[in-house]
Amino acid sequence: MFQRGITRLEVTKIIAAGVIIASYPDDQPHPSFLLLGFAGVTPVHVVVAQNHQDHDCVVVTAYIPDNALWDDDFKKRRRSCNV
């Protein structure tokens, strides 16, 4: 996160106001979800795992999504063409 130039404050804001774009209920040790938010005009993805027993959340990672891998709205992965 810090190596990618994303601040703790930006991640906190995305957790509070971002949009859940994917859910991973089978992740271990805790289910997780992928959030999309913005740091200014820069899209940021944050993966958060949630421990339902004590209601704690853990930031797994935060990154700037690659334009080549994500649709223009950064909500869905691009489909690869294997022709």
PDB file of N, CA and C in Angstrom:
ATOM      1  N   MET A   1       0.836  -1.179   0.000  1.00  0.00           N
ATOM      2  CA  MET A   1       0.000   0.000   0.000  1.00  0.00           C
ATOM      3  C   MET A   1       0.877   1.237   0.000  1.00  0.00           C
ATOM      4  N   PHE A   2       1.770   1.352   0.974  1.00  0.00           N
ATOM      5  CA  PHE A   2       2.616   2.532   1.069  1.00  0.00           C
ATOM      6  C   PHE A   2       3.612   2.573  -0.078  1.00  0.00           C
ATOM      7  N   GLN A   3       4.079   1.399  -0.525  1.00  0.00           N
ATOM      8  CA  GLN A   3       5.005   1.337  -1.656  1.00  0.00           C
ATOM      9  C   GLN A   3       4.333   1.804  -2.939  1.00  0.00           C
ATOM     10  N   ARG A   4       3.026   1.735  -2.982  1.00  0.00           N
ATOM     11  CA  ARG A   4       2.278   2.130  -4.176  1.00  0.00           C
ATOM     12  C   ARG A   4       1.819   3.582  -4.105  1.00  0.00           C
ATOM     13  N   GLY A   5       2.198   4.283  -3.044  1.00  0.00           N
ATOM     14  CA  GLY A   5       1.837   5.691  -2.915  1.00  0.00           C
ATOM     15  C   GLY A   5       0.408   5.925  -2.470  1.00  0.00           C
ATOM     16  N   ILE A   6      -0.196   4.931  -1.837  1.00  0.00           N
ATOM     17  CA  ILE A   6      -1.565   5.053  -1.331  1.00  0.00           C
ATOM     18  C   ILE A   6      -1.479   5.257   0.174  1.00  0.00           C
ATOM     19  N   THR A   7      -2.113   6.305   0.667  1.00  0.00           N
ATOM     20  CA  THR A   7      -1.994   6.635   2.087  1.00  0.00           C
ATOM     21  C   THR A   7      -3.027   5.885   2.931  1.00  0.00           C
ATOM     22  N   ARG A   8      -2.745   5.820   4.198  1.00  0.00           N
ATOM     23  CA  ARG A   8      -3.680   5.208   5.153  1.00  0.00           C
ATOM     24  C   ARG A   8      -5.018   5.957   5.143  1.00  0.00           C
ATOM     25  N   LEU A   9      -4.969   7.287   5.052  1.00  0.00           N
ATOM     26  CA  LEU A   9      -6.195   8.090   5.027  1.00  0.00           C
ATOM     27  C   LEU A   9      -7.029   7.762   3.785  1.00  0.00           C
ATOM     28  N   GLU A  10      -6.389   7.618   2.644  1.00  0.00           N
ATOM     29  CA  GLU A  10      -7.119   7.273   1.422  1.00  0.00           C
ATOM     30  C   GLU A  10      -7.789   5.908   1.558  1.00  0.00           C
ATOM     31  N   VAL A  11      -7.083   4.944   2.116  1.00  0.00           N
ATOM     32  CA  VAL A  11      -7.657   3.611   2.317  1.00  0.00           C
ATOM     33  C   VAL A  11      -8.831   3.678   3.288  1.00  0.00           C
ATOM     34  N   THR A  12      -8.683   4.432   4.356  1.00  0.00           N
ATOM     35  CA  THR A  12      -9.766   4.584   5.335  1.00  0.00           C
ATOM     36  C   THR A  12     -11.009   5.180   4.680  1.00  0.00           C
ATOM     37  N   LYS A  13     -10.825   6.185   3.841  1.00  0.00           N
ATOM     38  CA  LYS A  13     -11.960   6.806   3.146  1.00  0.00           C
ATOM     39  C   LYS A  13     -12.623   5.827   2.186  1.00  0.00           C
ATOM     40  N   ILE A  14     -11.828   5.013   1.515  1.00  0.00           N
ATOM     41  CA  ILE A  14     -12.390   4.036   0.584  1.00  0.00           C
ATOM     42  C   ILE A  14     -13.162   2.959   1.337  1.00  0.00           C
ATOM     43  N   ILE A  15     -12.658   2.538   2.481  1.00  0.00           N
ATOM     44  CA  ILE A  15     -13.392   1.561   3.293  1.00  0.00           C
ATOM     45  C   ILE A  15     -14.727   2.147   3.745  1.00  0.00           C
ATOM     46  N   ALA A  16     -14.740   3.419   4.095  1.00  0.00           N
ATOM     47  CA  ALA A  16     -15.962   4.065   4.585  1.00  0.00           C
ATOM     48  C   ALA A  16     -16.968   4.350   3.471  1.00  0.00           C
ATOM     49  N   ALA A  17     -16.485   4.685   2.271  1.00  0.00           N
ATOM     50  CA  ALA A  17     -17.406   5.168   1.243  1.00  0.00           C
ATOM     51  C   ALA A  17     -17.272   4.467  -0.105  1.00  0.00           C
ATOM     52  N   GLY A  18     -16.382   3.492  -0.212  1.00  0.00           N
ATOM     53  CA  GLY A  18     -16.175   2.815  -1.493  1.00  0.00           C
ATOM     54  C   GLY A  18     -17.318   1.878  -1.835  1.00  0.00           C
ATOM     55  N   VAL A  19     -17.261   1.345  -3.033  1.00  0.00           N
ATOM     56  CA  VAL A  19     -18.281   0.439  -3.545  1.00  0.00           C
ATOM     57  C   VAL A  19     -17.712  -0.978  -3.566  1.00  0.00           C
ATOM     58  N   ILE A  20     -18.465  -1.928  -3.016  1.00  0.00           N
ATOM     59  CA  ILE A  20     -18.052  -3.332  -3.084  1.00  0.00           C
ATOM     60  C   ILE A  20     -18.286  -3.818  -4.507  1.00  0.00           C
ATOM     61  N   ILE A  21     -17.203  -4.257  -5.172  1.00  0.00           N
ATOM     62  CA  ILE A  21     -17.335  -4.720  -6.555  1.00  0.00           C
ATOM     63  C   ILE A  21     -17.140  -6.228  -6.683  1.00  0.00           C
ATOM     64  N   ALA A  22     -16.668  -6.871  -5.626  1.00  0.00           N
ATOM     65  CA  ALA A  22     -16.530  -8.334  -5.629  1.00  0.00           C
ATOM     66  C   ALA A  22     -16.509  -8.827  -4.193  1.00  0.00           C
ATOM     67  N   SER A  23     -17.018 -10.029  -4.018  1.00  0.00           N
ATOM     68  CA  SER A  23     -17.052 -10.658  -2.698  1.00  0.00           C
ATOM     69  C   SER A  23     -16.393 -12.026  -2.805  1.00  0.00           C
ATOM     70  N   TYR A  24     -15.598 -12.357  -1.795  1.00  0.00           N
ATOM     71  CA  TYR A  24     -14.886 -13.637  -1.769  1.00  0.00           C
ATOM     72  C   TYR A  24     -15.225 -14.368  -0.464  1.00  0.00           C
ATOM     73  N   PRO A  25     -16.418 -14.948  -0.383  1.00  0.00           N
ATOM     74  CA  PRO A  25     -16.877 -15.552   0.872  1.00  0.00           C
ATOM     75  C   PRO A  25     -16.081 -16.775   1.311  1.00  0.00           C
ATOM     76  N   ASP A  26     -15.364 -17.411   0.385  1.00  0.00           N
ATOM     77  CA  ASP A  26     -14.612 -18.620   0.726  1.00  0.00           C
ATOM     78  C   ASP A  26     -13.157 -18.350   1.081  1.00  0.00           C
ATOM     79  N   ASP A  27     -12.736 -17.082   1.061  1.00  0.00           N
ATOM     80  CA  ASP A  27     -11.356 -16.763   1.440  1.00  0.00           C
ATOM     81  C   ASP A  27     -11.084 -17.191   2.873  1.00  0.00           C
ATOM     82  N   GLN A  28      -9.861 -17.600   3.115  1.00  0.00           N
ATOM     83  CA  GLN A  28      -9.435 -18.028   4.452  1.00  0.00           C
ATOM     84  C   GLN A  28      -8.290 -17.148   4.926  1.00  0.00           C
ATOM     85  N   PRO A  29      -8.199 -16.808   6.166  1.00  0.00           N
ATOM     86  CA  PRO A  29      -9.014 -17.322   7.256  1.00  0.00           C
ATOM     87  C   PRO A  29     -10.350 -16.596   7.420  1.00  0.00           C
ATOM     88  N   HIS A  30     -10.562 -15.502   6.659  1.00  0.00           N
ATOM     89  CA  HIS A  30     -11.817 -14.753   6.778  1.00  0.00           C
ATOM     90  C   HIS A  30     -12.322 -14.375   5.389  1.00  0.00           C
ATOM     91  N   PRO A  31     -13.640 -14.297   5.223  1.00  0.00           N
ATOM     92  CA  PRO A  31     -14.187 -13.826   3.956  1.00  0.00           C
ATOM     93  C   PRO A  31     -13.668 -12.416   3.661  1.00  0.00           C
ATOM     94  N   SER A  32     -13.555 -12.097   2.381  1.00  0.00           N
ATOM     95  CA  SER A  32     -13.062 -10.768   2.032  1.00  0.00           C
ATOM     96  C   SER A  32     -13.897 -10.188   0.903  1.00  0.00           C
ATOM     97  N   PHE A  33     -13.654  -8.921   0.619  1.00  0.00           N
ATOM     98  CA  PHE A  33     -14.341  -8.253  -0.472  1.00  0.00           C
ATOM     99  C   PHE A  33     -13.424  -7.200  -1.069  1.00  0.00           C
ATOM    100  N   LEU A  34     -13.718  -6.858  -2.313  1.00  0.00           N
ATOM    101  CA  LEU A  34     -12.938  -5.883  -3.062  1.00  0.00           C
ATOM    102  C   LEU A  34     -13.738  -4.599  -3.175  1.00  0.00           C
ATOM    103  N   LEU A  35     -13.129  -3.512  -2.752  1.00  0.00           N
ATOM    104  CA  LEU A  35     -13.762  -2.197  -2.815  1.00  0.00           C
ATOM    105  C   LEU A  35     -13.122  -1.357  -3.904  1.00  0.00           C
ATOM    106  N   LEU A  36     -13.922  -0.528  -4.544  1.00  0.00           N
ATOM    107  CA  LEU A  36     -13.423   0.480  -5.473  1.00  0.00           C
ATOM    108  C   LEU A  36     -13.702   1.846  -4.883  1.00  0.00           C
ATOM    109  N   GLY A  37     -12.675   2.666  -4.861  1.00  0.00           N
ATOM    110  CA  GLY A  37     -12.818   4.050  -4.444  1.00  0.00           C
ATOM    111  C   GLY A  37     -11.826   4.887  -5.221  1.00  0.00           C
ATOM    112  N   PHE A  38     -11.762   6.158  -4.882  1.00  0.00           N
ATOM    113  CA  PHE A  38     -10.871   7.063  -5.601  1.00  0.00           C
ATOM    114  C   PHE A  38     -10.059   7.893  -4.631  1.00  0.00           C
ATOM    115  N   ALA A  39      -8.789   8.061  -4.977  1.00  0.00           N
ATOM    116  CA  ALA A  39      -7.895   8.979  -4.276  1.00  0.00           C
ATOM    117  C   ALA A  39      -7.744  10.158  -5.228  1.00  0.00           C
ATOM    118  N   GLY A  40      -8.560  11.170  -5.026  1.00  0.00           N
ATOM    119  CA  GLY A  40      -8.646  12.239  -6.014  1.00  0.00           C
ATOM    120  C   GLY A  40      -9.319  11.674  -7.249  1.00  0.00           C
ATOM    121  N   VAL A  41      -8.611  11.677  -8.379  1.00  0.00           N
ATOM    122  CA  VAL A  41      -9.160  11.100  -9.610  1.00  0.00           C
ATOM    123  C   VAL A  41      -8.577   9.721  -9.906  1.00  0.00           C
ATOM    124  N   THR A  42      -7.704   9.242  -9.037  1.00  0.00           N
ATOM    125  CA  THR A  42      -7.042   7.952  -9.239  1.00  0.00           C
ATOM    126  C   THR A  42      -7.874   6.820  -8.650  1.00  0.00           C
ATOM    127  N   PRO A  43      -8.241   5.813  -9.463  1.00  0.00           N
ATOM    128  CA  PRO A  43      -8.985   4.677  -8.919  1.00  0.00           C
ATOM    129  C   PRO A  43      -8.081   3.841  -8.013  1.00  0.00           C
ATOM    130  N   VAL A  44      -8.671   3.323  -6.945  1.00  0.00           N
ATOM    131  CA  VAL A  44      -7.934   2.477  -6.006  1.00  0.00           C
ATOM    132  C   VAL A  44      -8.816   1.287  -5.641  1.00  0.00           C
ATOM    133  N   HIS A  45      -8.237   0.104  -5.660  1.00  0.00           N
ATOM    134  CA  HIS A  45      -8.900  -1.105  -5.171  1.00  0.00           C
ATOM    135  C   HIS A  45      -8.339  -1.428  -3.791  1.00  0.00           C
ATOM    136  N   VAL A  46      -9.229  -1.766  -2.865  1.00  0.00           N
ATOM    137  CA  VAL A  46      -8.834  -2.171  -1.518  1.00  0.00           C
ATOM    138  C   VAL A  46      -9.498  -3.512  -1.229  1.00  0.00           C
ATOM    139  N   VAL A  47      -8.706  -4.499  -0.837  1.00  0.00           N
ATOM    140  CA  VAL A  47      -9.236  -5.801  -0.435  1.00  0.00           C
ATOM    141  C   VAL A  47      -9.246  -5.839   1.088  1.00  0.00           C
ATOM    142  N   VAL A  48     -10.421  -6.130   1.648  1.00  0.00           N
ATOM    143  CA  VAL A  48     -10.602  -6.145   3.099  1.00  0.00           C
ATOM    144  C   VAL A  48     -11.162  -7.501   3.516  1.00  0.00           C
ATOM    145  N   ALA A  49     -10.563  -8.101   4.538  1.00  0.00           N
ATOM    146  CA  ALA A  49     -11.078  -9.340   5.123  1.00  0.00           C
ATOM    147  C   ALA A  49     -11.803  -8.986   6.412  1.00  0.00           C
ATOM    148  N   GLN A  50     -12.921  -9.666   6.663  1.00  0.00           N
ATOM    149  CA  GLN A  50     -13.725  -9.353   7.845  1.00  0.00           C
ATOM    150  C   GLN A  50     -13.895 -10.584   8.722  1.00  0.00           C
ATOM    151  N   ASN A  51     -13.478 -10.443   9.979  1.00  0.00           N
ATOM    152  CA  ASN A  51     -13.657 -11.486  10.979  1.00  0.00           C
ATOM    153  C   ASN A  51     -15.034 -11.284  11.599  1.00  0.00           C
ATOM    154  N   HIS A  52     -15.964 -12.165  11.298  1.00  0.00           N
ATOM    155  CA  HIS A  52     -17.336 -11.998  11.778  1.00  0.00           C
ATOM    156  C   HIS A  52     -17.480 -12.263  13.277  1.00  0.00           C
ATOM    157  N   GLN A  53     -16.515 -12.946  13.880  1.00  0.00           N
ATOM    158  CA  GLN A  53     -16.606 -13.220  15.317  1.00  0.00           C
ATOM    159  C   GLN A  53     -16.387 -11.969  16.150  1.00  0.00           C
ATOM    160  N   ASP A  54     -15.360 -11.198  15.820  1.00  0.00           N
ATOM    161  CA  ASP A  54     -15.089  -9.993  16.618  1.00  0.00           C
ATOM    162  C   ASP A  54     -15.314  -8.706  15.831  1.00  0.00           C
ATOM    163  N   HIS A  55     -15.820  -8.830  14.592  1.00  0.00           N
ATOM    164  CA  HIS A  55     -16.179  -7.691  13.745  1.00  0.00           C
ATOM    165  C   HIS A  55     -14.988  -6.831  13.342  1.00  0.00           C
ATOM    166  N   ASP A  56     -13.773  -7.371  13.458  1.00  0.00           N
ATOM    167  CA  ASP A  56     -12.588  -6.647  13.000  1.00  0.00           C
ATOM    168  C   ASP A  56     -12.446  -6.798  11.491  1.00  0.00           C
ATOM    169  N   CYS A  57     -11.901  -5.766  10.875  1.00  0.00           N
ATOM    170  CA  CYS A  57     -11.566  -5.807   9.458  1.00  0.00           C
ATOM    171  C   CYS A  57     -10.064  -5.641   9.309  1.00  0.00           C
ATOM    172  N   VAL A  58      -9.512  -6.340   8.328  1.00  0.00           N
ATOM    173  CA  VAL A  58      -8.082  -6.276   8.054  1.00  0.00           C
ATOM    174  C   VAL A  58      -7.895  -5.900   6.590  1.00  0.00           C
ATOM    175  N   VAL A  59      -7.070  -4.896   6.335  1.00  0.00           N
ATOM    176  CA  VAL A  59      -6.748  -4.541   4.959  1.00  0.00           C
ATOM    177  C   VAL A  59      -5.739  -5.561   4.444  1.00  0.00           C
ATOM    178  N   VAL A  60      -6.123  -6.275   3.409  1.00  0.00           N
ATOM    179  CA  VAL A  60      -5.249  -7.277   2.809  1.00  0.00           C
ATOM    180  C   VAL A  60      -4.273  -6.597   1.859  1.00  0.00           C
ATOM    181  N   THR A  61      -4.801  -5.737   1.005  1.00  0.00           N
ATOM    182  CA  THR A  61      -3.960  -4.989   0.072  1.00  0.00           C
ATOM    183  C   THR A  61      -4.736  -3.806  -0.479  1.00  0.00           C
ATOM    184  N   ALA A  62      -4.004  -2.857  -1.006  1.00  0.00           N
ATOM    185  CA  ALA A  62      -4.581  -1.719  -1.720  1.00  0.00           C
ATOM    186  C   ALA A  62      -3.686  -1.463  -2.921  1.00  0.00           C
ATOM    187  N   TYR A  63      -4.305  -1.222  -4.069  1.00  0.00           N
ATOM    188  CA  TYR A  63      -3.512  -1.032  -5.285  1.00  0.00           C
ATOM    189  C   TYR A  63      -4.278  -0.192  -6.296  1.00  0.00           C
ATOM    190  N   ILE A  64      -3.542   0.365  -7.236  1.00  0.00           N
ATOM    191  CA  ILE A  64      -4.133   1.096  -8.349  1.00  0.00           C
ATOM    192  C   ILE A  64      -4.358   0.081  -9.464  1.00  0.00           C
ATOM    193  N   PRO A  65      -5.617  -0.122  -9.872  1.00  0.00           N
ATOM    194  CA  PRO A  65      -5.897  -1.145 -10.877  1.00  0.00           C
ATOM    195  C   PRO A  65      -5.275  -0.802 -12.234  1.00  0.00           C
ATOM    196  N   ASP A  66      -4.818  -1.826 -12.923  1.00  0.00           N
ATOM    197  CA  ASP A  66      -4.185  -1.691 -14.233  1.00  0.00           C
ATOM    198  C   ASP A  66      -5.257  -1.508 -15.310  1.00  0.00           C
ATOM    199  N   ASN A  67      -5.129  -0.453 -16.108  1.00  0.00           N
ATOM    200  CA  ASN A  67      -6.091  -0.188 -17.188  1.00  0.00           C
ATOM    201  C   ASN A  67      -6.211  -1.357 -18.156  1.00  0.00           C
ATOM    202  N   ALA A  68      -5.145  -2.088 -18.353  1.00  0.00           N
ATOM    203  CA  ALA A  68      -5.163  -3.207 -19.296  1.00  0.00           C
ATOM    204  C   ALA A  68      -5.959  -4.396 -18.765  1.00  0.00           C
ATOM    205  N   LEU A  69      -6.125  -4.478 -17.457  1.00  0.00           N
ATOM    206  CA  LEU A  69      -6.799  -5.627 -16.848  1.00  0.00           C
ATOM    207  C   LEU A  69      -8.241  -5.358 -16.448  1.00  0.00           C
ATOM    208  N   TRP A  70      -8.612  -4.090 -16.328  1.00  0.00           N
ATOM    209  CA  TRP A  70      -9.930  -3.724 -15.826  1.00  0.00           C
ATOM    210  C   TRP A  70     -10.687  -2.897 -16.849  1.00  0.00           C
ATOM    211  N   ASP A  71     -12.025  -3.042 -16.875  1.00  0.00           N
ATOM    212  CA  ASP A  71     -12.865  -2.210 -17.735  1.00  0.00           C
ATOM    213  C   ASP A  71     -12.679  -0.744 -17.373  1.00  0.00           C
ATOM    214  N   ASP A  72     -13.218   0.122 -18.211  1.00  0.00           N
ATOM    215  CA  ASP A  72     -13.027   1.562 -18.031  1.00  0.00           C
ATOM    216  C   ASP A  72     -13.533   2.085 -16.690  1.00  0.00           C
ATOM    217  N   ASP A  73     -14.536   1.424 -16.106  1.00  0.00           N
ATOM    218  CA  ASP A  73     -15.051   1.882 -14.808  1.00  0.00           C
ATOM    219  C   ASP A  73     -14.347   1.209 -13.626  1.00  0.00           C
ATOM    220  N   PHE A  74     -13.378   0.324 -13.910  1.00  0.00           N
ATOM    221  CA  PHE A  74     -12.564  -0.376 -12.904  1.00  0.00           C
ATOM    222  C   PHE A  74     -13.373  -1.298 -11.995  1.00  0.00           C
ATOM    223  N   LYS A  75     -14.589  -1.659 -12.437  1.00  0.00           N
ATOM    224  CA  LYS A  75     -15.439  -2.531 -11.629  1.00  0.00           C
ATOM    225  C   LYS A  75     -15.396  -3.987 -12.071  1.00  0.00           C
ATOM    226  N   LYS A  76     -15.023  -4.245 -13.312  1.00  0.00           N
ATOM    227  CA  LYS A  76     -14.982  -5.615 -13.831  1.00  0.00           C
ATOM    228  C   LYS A  76     -13.687  -5.838 -14.588  1.00  0.00           C
ATOM    229  N   ARG A  77     -13.159  -7.059 -14.432  1.00  0.00           N
ATOM    230  CA  ARG A  77     -11.961  -7.431 -15.191  1.00  0.00           C
ATOM    231  C   ARG A  77     -12.322  -7.552 -16.666  1.00  0.00           C
ATOM    232  N   ARG A  78     -11.383  -7.137 -17.497  1.00  0.00           N
ATOM    233  CA  ARG A  78     -11.572  -7.308 -18.942  1.00  0.00           C
ATOM    234  C   ARG A  78     -11.513  -8.800 -19.267  1.00  0.00           C
ATOM    235  N   ARG A  79     -12.274  -9.205 -20.240  1.00  0.00           N
ATOM    236  CA  ARG A  79     -12.227 -10.594 -20.702  1.00  0.00           C
ATOM    237  C   ARG A  79     -11.067 -10.725 -21.669  1.00  0.00           C
ATOM    238  N   SER A  80     -10.308 -11.776 -21.507  1.00  0.00           N
ATOM    239  CA  SER A  80      -9.196 -12.000 -22.427  1.00  0.00           C
ATOM    240  C   SER A  80      -9.705 -12.724 -23.664  1.00  0.00           C
ATOM    241  N   CYS A  81      -9.135 -12.389 -24.781  1.00  0.00           N
ATOM    242  CA  CYS A  81      -9.510 -13.034 -26.045  1.00  0.00           C
ATOM    243  C   CYS A  81      -8.427 -14.025 -26.427  1.00  0.00           C
ATOM    244  N   ASN A  82      -8.768 -15.277 -26.422  1.00  0.00           N
ATOM    245  CA  ASN A  82      -7.839 -16.325 -26.853  1.00  0.00           C
ATOM    246  C   ASN A  82      -8.324 -16.870 -28.186  1.00  0.00           C
ATOM    247  N   VAL A  83      -7.990 -16.171 -29.254  1.00  0.00           N
ATOM    248  CA  VAL A  83      -8.461 -16.562 -30.585  1.00  0.00           C
ATOM    249  C   VAL A  83      -7.408 -17.372 -31.273  1.00  0.00           C
TER     250      VAL A  83
END
